[in-house]
Amino acid sequence: MNKIRRKKLQEIIDRANSILCVLEELKEEEEAYRDNIPENLHNSERYEKAETACDSLYEAISYLEEVTQNIEIAIEC
């Protein structure tokens, strides 16, 4: 891989890392929201939606981390 493509890929990684930071902050906020729902509402639709949002954000973060790892591997080639 040439220097120009490596540089472009590194720029993508940098942007992805910025997005990861925002996603992690939002996940933490949603977890805090979920955790502050009173225990008697843990079987409610409100709690279930918050739980689903937390799970989805966790998956999005995991996928994006995997993407950046794969790009890093490509850069090393």
N, C-alpha and C. Protein backbone atom coordinates (compact mmCIF):
# COMPACT_ATOMS: atom_id res chain seq x y z
N MET A 1 0.85 -1.17 0.00
CA MET A 1 0.00 0.00 0.00
C MET A 1 0.90 1.24 0.00
N ASN A 2 0.50 2.20 -0.80
CA ASN A 2 1.34 3.39 -0.88
C ASN A 2 0.99 4.40 0.22
N LYS A 3 1.84 5.40 0.32
CA LYS A 3 1.75 6.39 1.39
C LYS A 3 0.44 7.18 1.34
N ILE A 4 -0.03 7.51 0.14
CA ILE A 4 -1.25 8.30 -0.01
C ILE A 4 -2.46 7.52 0.52
N ARG A 5 -2.57 6.25 0.15
CA ARG A 5 -3.69 5.44 0.63
C ARG A 5 -3.61 5.22 2.14
N ARG A 6 -2.40 5.02 2.64
CA ARG A 6 -2.23 4.87 4.09
C ARG A 6 -2.71 6.13 4.82
N LYS A 7 -2.35 7.28 4.27
CA LYS A 7 -2.75 8.54 4.89
C LYS A 7 -4.28 8.68 4.90
N LYS A 8 -4.93 8.35 3.78
CA LYS A 8 -6.39 8.43 3.70
C LYS A 8 -7.04 7.47 4.70
N LEU A 9 -6.49 6.28 4.80
CA LEU A 9 -7.03 5.31 5.76
C LEU A 9 -6.84 5.79 7.20
N GLN A 10 -5.71 6.41 7.48
CA GLN A 10 -5.48 6.94 8.82
C GLN A 10 -6.47 8.05 9.14
N GLU A 11 -6.80 8.85 8.14
CA GLU A 11 -7.80 9.90 8.34
C GLU A 11 -9.16 9.30 8.69
N ILE A 12 -9.49 8.19 8.03
CA ILE A 12 -10.75 7.50 8.33
C ILE A 12 -10.73 6.98 9.76
N ILE A 13 -9.61 6.41 10.18
CA ILE A 13 -9.48 5.92 11.56
C ILE A 13 -9.65 7.07 12.54
N ASP A 14 -9.03 8.20 12.26
CA ASP A 14 -9.14 9.36 13.15
C ASP A 14 -10.59 9.81 13.29
N ARG A 15 -11.32 9.86 12.17
CA ARG A 15 -12.73 10.25 12.21
C ARG A 15 -13.55 9.22 12.97
N ALA A 16 -13.25 7.94 12.72
CA ALA A 16 -13.97 6.88 13.42
C ALA A 16 -13.74 6.96 14.92
N ASN A 17 -12.52 7.27 15.32
CA ASN A 17 -12.23 7.41 16.75
C ASN A 17 -13.00 8.56 17.37
N SER A 18 -13.17 9.64 16.63
CA SER A 18 -13.99 10.76 17.13
C SER A 18 -15.43 10.32 17.31
N ILE A 19 -15.94 9.57 16.35
CA ILE A 19 -17.30 9.07 16.42
C ILE A 19 -17.44 8.10 17.60
N LEU A 20 -16.42 7.27 17.79
CA LEU A 20 -16.43 6.33 18.92
C LEU A 20 -16.57 7.06 20.25
N CYS A 21 -15.85 8.15 20.40
CA CYS A 21 -15.93 8.93 21.64
C CYS A 21 -17.35 9.43 21.88
N VAL A 22 -17.97 9.94 20.85
CA VAL A 22 -19.34 10.45 20.98
C VAL A 22 -20.30 9.31 21.31
N LEU A 23 -20.15 8.18 20.60
CA LEU A 23 -21.01 7.04 20.87
C LEU A 23 -20.87 6.54 22.30
N GLU A 24 -19.64 6.49 22.79
CA GLU A 24 -19.41 6.04 24.16
C GLU A 24 -20.04 6.99 25.18
N GLU A 25 -19.95 8.28 24.92
CA GLU A 25 -20.59 9.26 25.82
C GLU A 25 -22.10 9.08 25.82
N LEU A 26 -22.67 8.90 24.63
CA LEU A 26 -24.12 8.72 24.54
C LEU A 26 -24.56 7.42 25.20
N LYS A 27 -23.76 6.37 25.04
CA LYS A 27 -24.08 5.09 25.68
C LYS A 27 -24.07 5.25 27.20
N GLU A 28 -23.07 5.94 27.71
CA GLU A 28 -22.99 6.17 29.16
C GLU A 28 -24.18 6.98 29.66
N GLU A 29 -24.58 7.99 28.89
CA GLU A 29 -25.75 8.79 29.28
C GLU A 29 -27.01 7.93 29.29
N GLU A 30 -27.16 7.10 28.27
CA GLU A 30 -28.35 6.24 28.19
C GLU A 30 -28.33 5.20 29.31
N GLU A 31 -27.16 4.67 29.64
CA GLU A 31 -27.06 3.72 30.76
C GLU A 31 -27.43 4.40 32.08
N ALA A 32 -26.99 5.63 32.26
CA ALA A 32 -27.33 6.36 33.47
C ALA A 32 -28.84 6.60 33.53
N TYR A 33 -29.42 6.96 32.41
CA TYR A 33 -30.87 7.15 32.34
C TYR A 33 -31.58 5.85 32.72
N ARG A 34 -31.16 4.75 32.09
CA ARG A 34 -31.78 3.44 32.36
C ARG A 34 -31.62 3.07 33.84
N ASP A 35 -30.43 3.26 34.36
CA ASP A 35 -30.14 2.88 35.74
C ASP A 35 -30.92 3.72 36.76
N ASN A 36 -31.36 4.89 36.35
CA ASN A 36 -32.11 5.77 37.26
C ASN A 36 -33.62 5.57 37.17
N ILE A 37 -34.04 4.66 36.31
CA ILE A 37 -35.47 4.35 36.25
C ILE A 37 -35.80 3.56 37.51
N PRO A 38 -36.85 3.97 38.22
CA PRO A 38 -37.20 3.26 39.46
C PRO A 38 -37.40 1.76 39.24
N GLU A 39 -37.04 1.00 40.25
CA GLU A 39 -37.07 -0.46 40.14
C GLU A 39 -38.46 -0.99 39.80
N ASN A 40 -39.49 -0.32 40.29
CA ASN A 40 -40.85 -0.80 40.00
C ASN A 40 -41.23 -0.61 38.52
N LEU A 41 -40.41 0.11 37.76
CA LEU A 41 -40.67 0.30 36.32
C LEU A 41 -39.73 -0.51 35.43
N HIS A 42 -38.96 -1.43 36.03
CA HIS A 42 -37.99 -2.20 35.25
C HIS A 42 -38.64 -3.13 34.24
N ASN A 43 -39.90 -3.42 34.37
CA ASN A 43 -40.60 -4.25 33.39
C ASN A 43 -41.44 -3.41 32.44
N SER A 44 -41.24 -2.10 32.48
CA SER A 44 -42.05 -1.20 31.66
C SER A 44 -41.44 -1.05 30.26
N GLU A 45 -42.26 -0.50 29.37
CA GLU A 45 -41.80 -0.24 28.00
C GLU A 45 -40.67 0.79 28.01
N ARG A 46 -40.77 1.75 28.88
CA ARG A 46 -39.73 2.79 29.01
C ARG A 46 -38.37 2.16 29.32
N TYR A 47 -38.35 1.25 30.27
CA TYR A 47 -37.09 0.59 30.64
C TYR A 47 -36.59 -0.29 29.49
N GLU A 48 -37.50 -1.02 28.87
CA GLU A 48 -37.11 -1.91 27.77
C GLU A 48 -36.50 -1.12 26.61
N LYS A 49 -37.08 0.03 26.31
CA LYS A 49 -36.54 0.87 25.23
C LYS A 49 -35.14 1.38 25.59
N ALA A 50 -34.95 1.78 26.83
CA ALA A 50 -33.64 2.25 27.27
C ALA A 50 -32.63 1.11 27.21
N GLU A 51 -33.05 -0.08 27.61
CA GLU A 51 -32.17 -1.26 27.57
C GLU A 51 -31.79 -1.59 26.13
N THR A 52 -32.74 -1.53 25.23
CA THR A 52 -32.48 -1.80 23.81
C THR A 52 -31.53 -0.76 23.23
N ALA A 53 -31.74 0.50 23.61
CA ALA A 53 -30.85 1.56 23.13
C ALA A 53 -29.42 1.33 23.62
N CYS A 54 -29.27 0.96 24.88
CA CYS A 54 -27.93 0.67 25.44
C CYS A 54 -27.26 -0.47 24.68
N ASP A 55 -28.02 -1.54 24.48
CA ASP A 55 -27.48 -2.70 23.76
C ASP A 55 -27.07 -2.33 22.34
N SER A 56 -27.91 -1.55 21.67
CA SER A 56 -27.62 -1.15 20.29
C SER A 56 -26.40 -0.26 20.20
N LEU A 57 -26.27 0.66 21.14
CA LEU A 57 -25.09 1.53 21.15
C LEU A 57 -23.82 0.72 21.44
N TYR A 58 -23.92 -0.25 22.34
CA TYR A 58 -22.79 -1.13 22.63
C TYR A 58 -22.36 -1.87 21.36
N GLU A 59 -23.34 -2.41 20.64
CA GLU A 59 -23.03 -3.13 19.39
C GLU A 59 -22.41 -2.20 18.36
N ALA A 60 -22.95 -1.01 18.22
CA ALA A 60 -22.40 -0.04 17.26
C ALA A 60 -20.95 0.28 17.59
N ILE A 61 -20.66 0.46 18.87
CA ILE A 61 -19.29 0.74 19.29
C ILE A 61 -18.38 -0.44 18.96
N SER A 62 -18.84 -1.64 19.24
CA SER A 62 -18.05 -2.84 18.96
C SER A 62 -17.76 -2.97 17.47
N TYR A 63 -18.78 -2.75 16.65
CA TYR A 63 -18.60 -2.85 15.20
C TYR A 63 -17.62 -1.80 14.69
N LEU A 64 -17.75 -0.59 15.19
CA LEU A 64 -16.86 0.48 14.74
C LEU A 64 -15.42 0.22 15.18
N GLU A 65 -15.24 -0.33 16.38
CA GLU A 65 -13.90 -0.71 16.82
C GLU A 65 -13.31 -1.79 15.92
N GLU A 66 -14.14 -2.73 15.52
CA GLU A 66 -13.69 -3.79 14.61
C GLU A 66 -13.29 -3.21 13.25
N VAL A 67 -14.08 -2.26 12.77
CA VAL A 67 -13.77 -1.61 11.50
C VAL A 67 -12.40 -0.92 11.57
N THR A 68 -12.17 -0.17 12.64
CA THR A 68 -10.89 0.55 12.75
C THR A 68 -9.73 -0.44 12.87
N GLN A 69 -9.93 -1.55 13.56
CA GLN A 69 -8.88 -2.56 13.66
C GLN A 69 -8.56 -3.15 12.29
N ASN A 70 -9.58 -3.40 11.50
CA ASN A 70 -9.36 -3.94 10.15
C ASN A 70 -8.65 -2.94 9.26
N ILE A 71 -8.99 -1.68 9.39
CA ILE A 71 -8.31 -0.65 8.61
C ILE A 71 -6.84 -0.57 9.02
N GLU A 72 -6.58 -0.67 10.33
CA GLU A 72 -5.20 -0.65 10.80
C GLU A 72 -4.41 -1.81 10.22
N ILE A 73 -5.02 -2.97 10.13
CA ILE A 73 -4.36 -4.13 9.51
C ILE A 73 -4.04 -3.83 8.05
N ALA A 74 -4.99 -3.21 7.35
CA ALA A 74 -4.77 -2.88 5.94
C ALA A 74 -3.61 -1.90 5.79
N ILE A 75 -3.51 -0.95 6.72
CA ILE A 75 -2.42 0.03 6.66
C ILE A 75 -1.06 -0.66 6.80
N GLU A 76 -1.02 -1.68 7.63
CA GLU A 76 0.25 -2.37 7.87
C GLU A 76 0.70 -3.23 6.69
N CYS A 77 -0.20 -3.52 5.79
CA CYS A 77 0.15 -4.38 4.64
C CYS A 77 0.94 -3.63 3.59
